[in-house]
Amino acid sequence: MKPQSIIRRLRTCAQRFRADRRGVSAVEFALIAPFLITLYLGGVEVTQAVSVNRKTTLVAHTVADLVAQDTNVSNSEMTDILAASATVASPYTTSNLKVTVSSITIDAAGTATIDWSDSLNGTKRATGSVITLPSALAVANSSLIWGEVSYSYTPMFGWVMTGMLTLSDTIYMRPRITNTVTRSAS
């Protein structure tokens, strides 16, 4: 074969290759697919995180509300209330959930101290410790129920959202039936 015919054939093949559009869609898809997959998985992660955050808020509200409806909380009632928080948090695992419920007493001078505290998967607050309340809640000679919840959320796809997120919420409620909710060991 002569070099001229080889060059002619290569030129013809190159022209046909340049004119052929059959593979353009496949190439475009291959370029865009990683971005679309990342976008989809990122949307799933954000939705999961928002859902866990909402559950965290619901747990804080539920625990404080259940205690605020009582006059005296016993050990068995507190066990049930903390177990209810795990039910509210479902379908998410409770091993990442920390729930603390405390009774705060505010004296005549407006000093807020912890009267009693209990916790699930966390550390209860020390009895008698002084805390700082928002000024609107520091009403002299009253008490509050304080529900605190935190959840350590680890994304399913670490390459979309990296690291662990600590989602938390807190709520203060006034006791409904009595001025102060007491805590007994019975």
N, C-alpha and C. Protein backbone atom coordinates (compact mmCIF):
# COMPACT_ATOMS: atom_id res chain seq x y z
N MET A 1 0.83 -1.17 0.00
CA MET A 1 0.00 0.00 0.00
C MET A 1 0.88 1.24 0.00
N LYS A 2 0.47 2.21 -0.78
CA LYS A 2 1.25 3.42 -0.93
C LYS A 2 0.95 4.37 0.24
N PRO A 3 1.94 5.18 0.59
CA PRO A 3 1.71 6.13 1.69
C PRO A 3 0.57 7.10 1.39
N GLN A 4 0.36 7.43 0.16
CA GLN A 4 -0.72 8.36 -0.18
C GLN A 4 -2.08 7.73 0.10
N SER A 5 -2.24 6.47 -0.20
CA SER A 5 -3.52 5.81 0.04
C SER A 5 -3.76 5.62 1.55
N ILE A 6 -2.68 5.40 2.28
CA ILE A 6 -2.82 5.28 3.74
C ILE A 6 -3.27 6.62 4.32
N ILE A 7 -2.68 7.68 3.87
CA ILE A 7 -3.06 9.01 4.35
C ILE A 7 -4.50 9.32 3.97
N ARG A 8 -4.90 8.97 2.74
CA ARG A 8 -6.27 9.19 2.30
C ARG A 8 -7.25 8.41 3.18
N ARG A 9 -6.93 7.15 3.46
CA ARG A 9 -7.80 6.33 4.31
C ARG A 9 -7.90 6.90 5.73
N LEU A 10 -6.76 7.33 6.27
CA LEU A 10 -6.80 7.92 7.61
C LEU A 10 -7.63 9.21 7.63
N ARG A 11 -7.50 10.00 6.57
CA ARG A 11 -8.27 11.24 6.48
C ARG A 11 -9.76 10.92 6.40
N THR A 12 -10.13 9.93 5.63
CA THR A 12 -11.53 9.52 5.50
C THR A 12 -12.07 9.01 6.83
N CYS A 13 -11.28 8.20 7.51
CA CYS A 13 -11.71 7.69 8.83
C CYS A 13 -11.87 8.84 9.83
N ALA A 14 -10.95 9.79 9.81
CA ALA A 14 -11.03 10.92 10.73
C ALA A 14 -12.26 11.77 10.45
N GLN A 15 -12.62 11.96 9.17
CA GLN A 15 -13.80 12.73 8.82
C GLN A 15 -15.07 12.01 9.27
N ARG A 16 -15.11 10.70 9.08
CA ARG A 16 -16.28 9.93 9.53
C ARG A 16 -16.39 9.98 11.07
N PHE A 17 -15.26 9.86 11.74
CA PHE A 17 -15.26 9.90 13.21
C PHE A 17 -15.75 11.26 13.71
N ARG A 18 -15.30 12.33 13.09
CA ARG A 18 -15.70 13.67 13.48
C ARG A 18 -17.18 13.91 13.19
N ALA A 19 -17.73 13.36 12.15
CA ALA A 19 -19.12 13.55 11.78
C ALA A 19 -20.07 12.65 12.58
N ASP A 20 -19.56 11.59 13.17
CA ASP A 20 -20.39 10.63 13.91
C ASP A 20 -20.79 11.22 15.26
N ARG A 21 -22.09 11.28 15.56
CA ARG A 21 -22.63 11.86 16.80
C ARG A 21 -23.27 10.81 17.71
N ARG A 22 -23.13 9.56 17.41
CA ARG A 22 -23.80 8.52 18.18
C ARG A 22 -23.30 8.40 19.61
N GLY A 23 -22.08 8.71 19.92
CA GLY A 23 -21.52 8.53 21.26
C GLY A 23 -21.56 9.78 22.11
N VAL A 24 -22.09 10.89 21.60
CA VAL A 24 -22.09 12.15 22.34
C VAL A 24 -22.90 12.03 23.62
N SER A 25 -24.06 11.42 23.56
CA SER A 25 -24.90 11.27 24.76
C SER A 25 -24.21 10.44 25.83
N ALA A 26 -23.55 9.39 25.42
CA ALA A 26 -22.85 8.54 26.39
C ALA A 26 -21.71 9.31 27.05
N VAL A 27 -20.99 10.12 26.29
CA VAL A 27 -19.89 10.91 26.84
C VAL A 27 -20.44 11.97 27.79
N GLU A 28 -21.53 12.66 27.39
CA GLU A 28 -22.14 13.66 28.26
C GLU A 28 -22.64 13.04 29.56
N PHE A 29 -23.26 11.88 29.46
CA PHE A 29 -23.74 11.19 30.66
C PHE A 29 -22.58 10.82 31.57
N ALA A 30 -21.50 10.33 30.99
CA ALA A 30 -20.32 9.94 31.79
C ALA A 30 -19.72 11.15 32.50
N LEU A 31 -19.80 12.32 31.89
CA LEU A 31 -19.28 13.52 32.52
C LEU A 31 -20.20 14.07 33.60
N ILE A 32 -21.50 13.95 33.41
CA ILE A 32 -22.47 14.53 34.33
C ILE A 32 -22.89 13.56 35.43
N ALA A 33 -22.82 12.27 35.22
CA ALA A 33 -23.29 11.27 36.19
C ALA A 33 -22.69 11.43 37.58
N PRO A 34 -21.38 11.61 37.74
CA PRO A 34 -20.84 11.77 39.10
C PRO A 34 -21.46 12.96 39.84
N PHE A 35 -21.65 14.06 39.15
CA PHE A 35 -22.27 15.23 39.77
C PHE A 35 -23.71 14.93 40.19
N LEU A 36 -24.47 14.28 39.32
CA LEU A 36 -25.87 13.97 39.64
C LEU A 36 -25.97 12.97 40.79
N ILE A 37 -25.10 11.99 40.84
CA ILE A 37 -25.10 11.02 41.93
C ILE A 37 -24.76 11.71 43.25
N THR A 38 -23.76 12.58 43.22
CA THR A 38 -23.39 13.34 44.42
C THR A 38 -24.53 14.24 44.87
N LEU A 39 -25.18 14.88 43.95
CA LEU A 39 -26.32 15.73 44.28
C LEU A 39 -27.45 14.93 44.90
N TYR A 40 -27.75 13.77 44.35
CA TYR A 40 -28.80 12.91 44.89
C TYR A 40 -28.45 12.43 46.31
N LEU A 41 -27.24 11.92 46.48
CA LEU A 41 -26.85 11.42 47.79
C LEU A 41 -26.76 12.55 48.81
N GLY A 42 -26.33 13.72 48.39
CA GLY A 42 -26.32 14.89 49.28
C GLY A 42 -27.72 15.26 49.71
N GLY A 43 -28.69 15.18 48.80
CA GLY A 43 -30.08 15.44 49.16
C GLY A 43 -30.61 14.43 50.16
N VAL A 44 -30.23 13.18 50.00
CA VAL A 44 -30.63 12.14 50.95
C VAL A 44 -30.03 12.44 52.32
N GLU A 45 -28.76 12.80 52.37
CA GLU A 45 -28.09 13.10 53.64
C GLU A 45 -28.73 14.30 54.34
N VAL A 46 -28.99 15.35 53.61
CA VAL A 46 -29.59 16.54 54.21
C VAL A 46 -30.98 16.21 54.75
N THR A 47 -31.74 15.44 53.99
CA THR A 47 -33.08 15.04 54.44
C THR A 47 -33.01 14.22 55.71
N GLN A 48 -32.06 13.28 55.78
CA GLN A 48 -31.88 12.47 56.99
C GLN A 48 -31.51 13.35 58.17
N ALA A 49 -30.58 14.28 57.98
CA ALA A 49 -30.14 15.16 59.06
C ALA A 49 -31.28 16.03 59.56
N VAL A 50 -32.09 16.55 58.66
CA VAL A 50 -33.24 17.37 59.06
C VAL A 50 -34.25 16.52 59.84
N SER A 51 -34.44 15.29 59.41
CA SER A 51 -35.37 14.40 60.11
C SER A 51 -34.87 14.07 61.52
N VAL A 52 -33.59 13.80 61.66
CA VAL A 52 -33.02 13.53 62.99
C VAL A 52 -33.10 14.77 63.86
N ASN A 53 -32.86 15.93 63.28
CA ASN A 53 -32.96 17.18 64.04
C ASN A 53 -34.39 17.40 64.54
N ARG A 54 -35.36 17.09 63.72
CA ARG A 54 -36.77 17.21 64.13
C ARG A 54 -37.09 16.24 65.26
N LYS A 55 -36.59 15.02 65.16
CA LYS A 55 -36.79 14.04 66.23
C LYS A 55 -36.14 14.51 67.54
N THR A 56 -35.00 15.16 67.44
CA THR A 56 -34.32 15.69 68.62
C THR A 56 -35.20 16.72 69.32
N THR A 57 -35.81 17.60 68.55
CA THR A 57 -36.71 18.59 69.12
C THR A 57 -37.92 17.93 69.75
N LEU A 58 -38.49 16.93 69.09
CA LEU A 58 -39.65 16.23 69.63
C LEU A 58 -39.32 15.51 70.93
N VAL A 59 -38.15 14.92 71.02
CA VAL A 59 -37.75 14.22 72.25
C VAL A 59 -37.62 15.22 73.40
N ALA A 60 -36.98 16.35 73.16
CA ALA A 60 -36.82 17.37 74.22
C ALA A 60 -38.18 17.84 74.71
N HIS A 61 -39.08 18.11 73.80
CA HIS A 61 -40.41 18.57 74.17
C HIS A 61 -41.18 17.49 74.93
N THR A 62 -41.13 16.26 74.46
CA THR A 62 -41.88 15.16 75.07
C THR A 62 -41.42 14.89 76.50
N VAL A 63 -40.12 14.81 76.70
CA VAL A 63 -39.60 14.52 78.04
C VAL A 63 -39.98 15.62 79.03
N ALA A 64 -39.77 16.87 78.65
CA ALA A 64 -40.11 17.98 79.55
C ALA A 64 -41.61 18.04 79.79
N ASP A 65 -42.40 17.80 78.77
CA ASP A 65 -43.85 17.86 78.91
C ASP A 65 -44.38 16.75 79.82
N LEU A 66 -43.86 15.54 79.68
CA LEU A 66 -44.32 14.44 80.54
C LEU A 66 -43.99 14.70 82.00
N VAL A 67 -42.83 15.24 82.28
CA VAL A 67 -42.47 15.55 83.67
C VAL A 67 -43.28 16.73 84.18
N ALA A 68 -43.49 17.74 83.36
CA ALA A 68 -44.23 18.94 83.79
C ALA A 68 -45.70 18.64 84.12
N GLN A 69 -46.23 17.53 83.62
CA GLN A 69 -47.62 17.17 83.90
C GLN A 69 -47.79 16.43 85.22
N ASP A 70 -46.71 16.16 85.92
CA ASP A 70 -46.75 15.37 87.14
C ASP A 70 -46.52 16.26 88.35
N THR A 71 -46.79 15.72 89.55
CA THR A 71 -46.50 16.43 90.80
C THR A 71 -45.26 15.85 91.47
N ASN A 72 -45.09 14.53 91.34
CA ASN A 72 -43.94 13.84 91.91
C ASN A 72 -43.53 12.74 90.93
N VAL A 73 -42.26 12.68 90.62
CA VAL A 73 -41.77 11.69 89.67
C VAL A 73 -40.98 10.63 90.45
N SER A 74 -41.41 9.38 90.31
CA SER A 74 -40.71 8.27 90.97
C SER A 74 -39.67 7.69 90.02
N ASN A 75 -38.87 6.76 90.54
CA ASN A 75 -37.85 6.10 89.71
C ASN A 75 -38.48 5.37 88.54
N SER A 76 -39.57 4.63 88.80
CA SER A 76 -40.20 3.88 87.71
C SER A 76 -40.82 4.81 86.67
N GLU A 77 -41.40 5.92 87.13
CA GLU A 77 -41.95 6.89 86.17
C GLU A 77 -40.84 7.51 85.32
N MET A 78 -39.72 7.82 85.96
CA MET A 78 -38.61 8.42 85.21
C MET A 78 -38.05 7.42 84.20
N THR A 79 -37.97 6.16 84.59
CA THR A 79 -37.52 5.12 83.65
C THR A 79 -38.46 5.06 82.45
N ASP A 80 -39.77 5.13 82.71
CA ASP A 80 -40.76 5.09 81.62
C ASP A 80 -40.66 6.34 80.74
N ILE A 81 -40.45 7.49 81.36
CA ILE A 81 -40.36 8.74 80.59
C ILE A 81 -39.13 8.71 79.68
N LEU A 82 -38.01 8.26 80.21
CA LEU A 82 -36.78 8.18 79.40
C LEU A 82 -36.92 7.10 78.32
N ALA A 83 -37.64 6.03 78.62
CA ALA A 83 -37.90 5.00 77.60
C ALA A 83 -38.81 5.56 76.51
N ALA A 84 -39.75 6.42 76.90
CA ALA A 84 -40.63 7.06 75.90
C ALA A 84 -39.82 7.93 74.95
N SER A 85 -38.77 8.55 75.46
CA SER A 85 -37.94 9.38 74.58
C SER A 85 -37.28 8.53 73.50
N ALA A 86 -36.91 7.30 73.86
CA ALA A 86 -36.33 6.40 72.86
C ALA A 86 -37.37 6.03 71.81
N THR A 87 -38.62 5.88 72.23
CA THR A 87 -39.69 5.56 71.29
C THR A 87 -39.96 6.72 70.34
N VAL A 88 -39.93 7.93 70.87
CA VAL A 88 -40.14 9.12 70.03
C VAL A 88 -39.02 9.25 69.00
N ALA A 89 -37.81 8.89 69.38
CA ALA A 89 -36.66 9.03 68.49
C ALA A 89 -36.61 7.96 67.40
N SER A 90 -37.41 6.92 67.52
CA SER A 90 -37.37 5.86 66.51
C SER A 90 -37.80 6.42 65.15
N PRO A 91 -37.28 5.92 64.10
CA PRO A 91 -36.53 4.70 63.87
C PRO A 91 -35.02 4.86 64.06
N TYR A 92 -34.57 5.99 64.57
CA TYR A 92 -33.14 6.24 64.72
C TYR A 92 -32.63 5.59 65.99
N THR A 93 -31.39 5.17 65.97
CA THR A 93 -30.80 4.45 67.08
C THR A 93 -30.70 5.34 68.33
N THR A 94 -30.95 4.74 69.48
CA THR A 94 -30.88 5.51 70.72
C THR A 94 -29.49 5.50 71.34
N SER A 95 -28.57 4.74 70.76
CA SER A 95 -27.21 4.75 71.30
C SER A 95 -26.53 6.10 71.08
N ASN A 96 -26.98 6.86 70.08
CA ASN A 96 -26.44 8.19 69.80
C ASN A 96 -27.23 9.30 70.49
N LEU A 97 -28.27 8.93 71.24
CA LEU A 97 -29.19 9.89 71.85
C LEU A 97 -28.82 10.11 73.31
N LYS A 98 -28.68 11.37 73.71
CA LYS A 98 -28.46 11.72 75.12
C LYS A 98 -29.61 12.62 75.56
N VAL A 99 -30.32 12.17 76.59
CA VAL A 99 -31.48 12.91 77.09
C VAL A 99 -31.25 13.23 78.56
N THR A 100 -31.43 14.48 78.93
CA THR A 100 -31.33 14.89 80.32
C THR A 100 -32.55 15.72 80.66
N VAL A 101 -33.19 15.37 81.77
CA VAL A 101 -34.33 16.15 82.26
C VAL A 101 -34.00 16.59 83.68
N SER A 102 -34.22 17.88 83.96
CA SER A 102 -33.86 18.44 85.26
C SER A 102 -34.97 19.35 85.76
N SER A 103 -35.03 19.46 87.07
CA SER A 103 -35.94 20.42 87.70
C SER A 103 -35.09 21.58 88.19
N ILE A 104 -35.49 22.78 87.83
CA ILE A 104 -34.76 23.99 88.21
C ILE A 104 -35.61 24.76 89.20
N THR A 105 -35.02 25.14 90.31
CA THR A 105 -35.70 25.96 91.31
C THR A 105 -35.08 27.36 91.27
N ILE A 106 -35.94 28.36 91.23
CA ILE A 106 -35.49 29.75 91.19
C ILE A 106 -35.89 30.40 92.51
N ASP A 107 -34.90 30.88 93.27
CA ASP A 107 -35.20 31.46 94.60
C ASP A 107 -35.65 32.91 94.48
N ALA A 108 -35.88 33.55 95.64
CA ALA A 108 -36.38 34.93 95.68
C ALA A 108 -35.41 35.92 95.04
N ALA A 109 -34.12 35.60 95.07
CA ALA A 109 -33.12 36.48 94.48
C ALA A 109 -32.97 36.26 92.97
N GLY A 110 -33.66 35.25 92.44
CA GLY A 110 -33.59 34.97 91.00
C GLY A 110 -32.47 34.01 90.63
N THR A 111 -31.86 33.36 91.63
CA THR A 111 -30.80 32.40 91.36
C THR A 111 -31.41 31.04 91.03
N ALA A 112 -31.02 30.49 89.91
CA ALA A 112 -31.56 29.21 89.45
C ALA A 112 -30.58 28.09 89.79
N THR A 113 -31.10 27.05 90.45
CA THR A 113 -30.27 25.89 90.80
C THR A 113 -30.98 24.61 90.39
N ILE A 114 -30.20 23.56 90.20
CA ILE A 114 -30.75 22.25 89.85
C ILE A 114 -31.28 21.60 91.12
N ASP A 115 -32.56 21.25 91.11
CA ASP A 115 -33.18 20.57 92.25
C ASP A 115 -32.95 19.06 92.14
N TRP A 116 -33.16 18.50 90.96
CA TRP A 116 -32.87 17.10 90.66
C TRP A 116 -32.68 16.96 89.16
N SER A 117 -32.04 15.85 88.76
CA SER A 117 -31.77 15.63 87.34
C SER A 117 -31.63 14.14 87.08
N ASP A 118 -32.05 13.71 85.89
CA ASP A 118 -31.89 12.33 85.43
C ASP A 118 -31.49 12.35 83.98
N SER A 119 -30.84 11.26 83.54
CA SER A 119 -30.35 11.25 82.18
C SER A 119 -30.41 9.85 81.57
N LEU A 120 -30.54 9.81 80.26
CA LEU A 120 -30.46 8.58 79.47
C LEU A 120 -29.25 8.72 78.56
N ASN A 121 -28.30 7.82 78.67
CA ASN A 121 -27.07 7.80 77.87
C ASN A 121 -26.20 9.04 78.04
N GLY A 122 -26.43 9.80 79.09
CA GLY A 122 -25.66 11.01 79.31
C GLY A 122 -25.31 11.17 80.78
N THR A 123 -24.96 12.37 81.15
CA THR A 123 -24.60 12.68 82.53
C THR A 123 -25.64 13.63 83.09
N LYS A 124 -26.23 13.24 84.23
CA LYS A 124 -27.22 14.13 84.83
C LYS A 124 -26.51 15.32 85.45
N ARG A 125 -27.24 16.39 85.59
CA ARG A 125 -26.68 17.62 86.16
C ARG A 125 -26.56 17.47 87.68
N ALA A 126 -25.55 18.12 88.23
CA ALA A 126 -25.30 18.02 89.67
C ALA A 126 -26.35 18.80 90.45
N THR A 127 -26.92 18.15 91.45
CA THR A 127 -27.92 18.80 92.31
C THR A 127 -27.27 19.98 93.03
N GLY A 128 -27.98 21.12 93.02
CA GLY A 128 -27.49 22.32 93.67
C GLY A 128 -26.63 23.20 92.80
N SER A 129 -26.27 22.75 91.60
CA SER A 129 -25.43 23.58 90.74
C SER A 129 -26.23 24.76 90.20
N VAL A 130 -25.58 25.89 90.13
CA VAL A 130 -26.21 27.13 89.67
C VAL A 130 -26.13 27.18 88.15
N ILE A 131 -27.23 27.56 87.52
CA ILE A 131 -27.25 27.69 86.06
C ILE A 131 -27.76 29.07 85.68
N THR A 132 -27.47 29.46 84.48
CA THR A 132 -27.93 30.75 83.97
C THR A 132 -29.10 30.50 83.03
N LEU A 133 -30.22 31.15 83.33
CA LEU A 133 -31.43 31.02 82.52
C LEU A 133 -31.61 32.26 81.65
N PRO A 134 -32.36 32.12 80.56
CA PRO A 134 -32.76 33.33 79.83
C PRO A 134 -33.54 34.24 80.77
N SER A 135 -33.33 35.53 80.70
CA SER A 135 -33.92 36.47 81.66
C SER A 135 -35.44 36.38 81.72
N ALA A 136 -36.09 36.09 80.64
CA ALA A 136 -37.56 36.01 80.63
C ALA A 136 -38.07 34.83 81.46
N LEU A 137 -37.24 33.83 81.68
CA LEU A 137 -37.67 32.64 82.43
C LEU A 137 -37.29 32.70 83.91
N ALA A 138 -36.42 33.61 84.30
CA ALA A 138 -35.94 33.69 85.68
C ALA A 138 -36.95 34.42 86.56
N VAL A 139 -38.09 33.78 86.81
CA VAL A 139 -39.14 34.35 87.66
C VAL A 139 -38.88 33.88 89.08
N ALA A 140 -38.78 34.84 90.01
CA ALA A 140 -38.47 34.52 91.40
C ALA A 140 -39.52 33.59 92.00
N ASN A 141 -39.05 32.69 92.88
CA ASN A 141 -39.91 31.75 93.62
C ASN A 141 -40.74 30.86 92.69
N SER A 142 -40.10 30.33 91.69
CA SER A 142 -40.80 29.43 90.77
C SER A 142 -39.87 28.27 90.42
N SER A 143 -40.35 27.42 89.57
CA SER A 143 -39.50 26.31 89.11
C SER A 143 -39.79 26.03 87.64
N LEU A 144 -38.86 25.33 87.02
CA LEU A 144 -38.97 24.96 85.61
C LEU A 144 -38.53 23.51 85.45
N ILE A 145 -39.03 22.89 84.40
CA ILE A 145 -38.54 21.59 83.98
C ILE A 145 -37.71 21.84 82.73
N TRP A 146 -36.50 21.32 82.72
CA TRP A 146 -35.55 21.57 81.65
C TRP A 146 -35.26 20.26 80.92
N GLY A 147 -35.65 20.18 79.66
CA GLY A 147 -35.36 19.02 78.83
C GLY A 147 -34.24 19.33 77.87
N GLU A 148 -33.19 18.50 77.88
CA GLU A 148 -32.04 18.69 76.99
C GLU A 148 -31.82 17.40 76.22
N VAL A 149 -31.60 17.53 74.93
CA VAL A 149 -31.37 16.37 74.09
C VAL A 149 -30.25 16.68 73.11
N SER A 150 -29.37 15.70 72.92
CA SER A 150 -28.37 15.82 71.86
C SER A 150 -28.30 14.48 71.14
N TYR A 151 -28.03 14.55 69.85
CA TYR A 151 -27.93 13.35 69.02
C TYR A 151 -26.70 13.47 68.15
N SER A 152 -25.85 12.47 68.19
CA SER A 152 -24.65 12.44 67.36
C SER A 152 -24.99 11.76 66.04
N TYR A 153 -25.13 12.56 65.00
CA TYR A 153 -25.53 12.05 63.69
C TYR A 153 -24.30 11.85 62.81
N THR A 154 -24.13 10.63 62.36
CA THR A 154 -23.06 10.31 61.43
C THR A 154 -23.67 10.04 60.06
N PRO A 155 -23.27 10.79 59.04
CA PRO A 155 -23.84 10.60 57.70
C PRO A 155 -23.59 9.19 57.16
N MET A 156 -24.53 8.70 56.36
CA MET A 156 -24.39 7.39 55.75
C MET A 156 -23.30 7.39 54.68
N PHE A 157 -23.24 8.47 53.93
CA PHE A 157 -22.25 8.59 52.86
C PHE A 157 -21.27 9.67 53.26
N GLY A 158 -20.17 9.28 53.86
CA GLY A 158 -19.21 10.23 54.40
C GLY A 158 -18.56 11.13 53.37
N TRP A 159 -18.57 10.73 52.13
CA TRP A 159 -17.92 11.56 51.12
C TRP A 159 -18.82 12.68 50.62
N VAL A 160 -20.11 12.68 50.99
CA VAL A 160 -21.00 13.78 50.63
C VAL A 160 -20.98 14.84 51.72
N MET A 161 -21.24 14.40 52.95
CA MET A 161 -21.16 15.27 54.13
C MET A 161 -20.14 14.62 55.06
N THR A 162 -19.12 15.32 55.41
CA THR A 162 -18.06 14.70 56.20
C THR A 162 -18.23 15.03 57.67
N GLY A 163 -17.78 14.12 58.50
CA GLY A 163 -17.77 14.34 59.94
C GLY A 163 -19.10 14.06 60.59
N MET A 164 -19.06 14.04 61.91
CA MET A 164 -20.24 13.80 62.71
C MET A 164 -20.89 15.13 63.07
N LEU A 165 -22.20 15.18 63.01
CA LEU A 165 -22.95 16.37 63.40
C LEU A 165 -23.58 16.12 64.77
N THR A 166 -23.44 17.06 65.69
CA THR A 166 -24.12 16.94 66.97
C THR A 166 -25.34 17.85 66.92
N LEU A 167 -26.50 17.23 66.86
CA LEU A 167 -27.76 17.95 66.81
C LEU A 167 -28.31 18.02 68.23
N SER A 168 -28.77 19.18 68.66
CA SER A 168 -29.25 19.29 70.03
C SER A 168 -30.41 20.28 70.11
N ASP A 169 -31.17 20.13 71.18
CA ASP A 169 -32.26 21.05 71.46
C ASP A 169 -32.50 21.07 72.95
N THR A 170 -33.08 22.14 73.42
CA THR A 170 -33.39 22.29 74.83
C THR A 170 -34.72 23.01 74.96
N ILE A 171 -35.45 22.68 76.01
CA ILE A 171 -36.74 23.32 76.24
C ILE A 171 -36.97 23.49 77.73
N TYR A 172 -37.59 24.60 78.09
CA TYR A 172 -37.97 24.86 79.48
C TYR A 172 -39.48 24.86 79.55
N MET A 173 -40.04 24.21 80.58
CA MET A 173 -41.49 24.20 80.77
C MET A 173 -41.81 24.46 82.24
N ARG A 174 -42.88 25.14 82.48
CA ARG A 174 -43.35 25.35 83.85
C ARG A 174 -44.18 24.13 84.25
N PRO A 175 -44.07 23.70 85.50
CA PRO A 175 -44.93 22.61 85.97
C PRO A 175 -46.40 23.01 85.86
N ARG A 176 -47.25 22.06 85.51
CA ARG A 176 -48.66 22.39 85.25
C ARG A 176 -49.55 22.29 86.47
N ILE A 177 -49.33 21.28 87.31
CA ILE A 177 -50.26 21.02 88.40
C ILE A 177 -49.81 21.67 89.71
N THR A 178 -48.54 21.60 90.00
CA THR A 178 -47.99 22.18 91.23
C THR A 178 -46.93 23.21 90.87
N ASN A 179 -46.45 23.87 91.90
CA ASN A 179 -45.41 24.87 91.68
C ASN A 179 -44.07 24.23 91.37
N THR A 180 -43.83 23.03 91.96
CA THR A 180 -42.57 22.33 91.78
C THR A 180 -42.84 20.84 91.61
N VAL A 181 -42.19 20.21 90.65
CA VAL A 181 -42.27 18.77 90.48
C VAL A 181 -41.16 18.16 91.34
N THR A 182 -41.55 17.33 92.29
CA THR A 182 -40.57 16.70 93.17
C THR A 182 -40.12 15.37 92.61
N ARG A 183 -39.07 14.83 93.18
CA ARG A 183 -38.50 13.56 92.72
C ARG A 183 -38.38 12.63 93.91
N SER A 184 -38.95 11.45 93.80
CA SER A 184 -38.85 10.48 94.89
C SER A 184 -38.21 9.21 94.38
N ALA A 185 -37.69 8.43 95.33
CA ALA A 185 -37.02 7.17 94.97
C ALA A 185 -37.98 6.00 94.86
N SER A 186 -39.21 6.16 95.23
CA SER A 186 -40.15 5.03 95.21
C SER A 186 -40.68 4.72 93.85
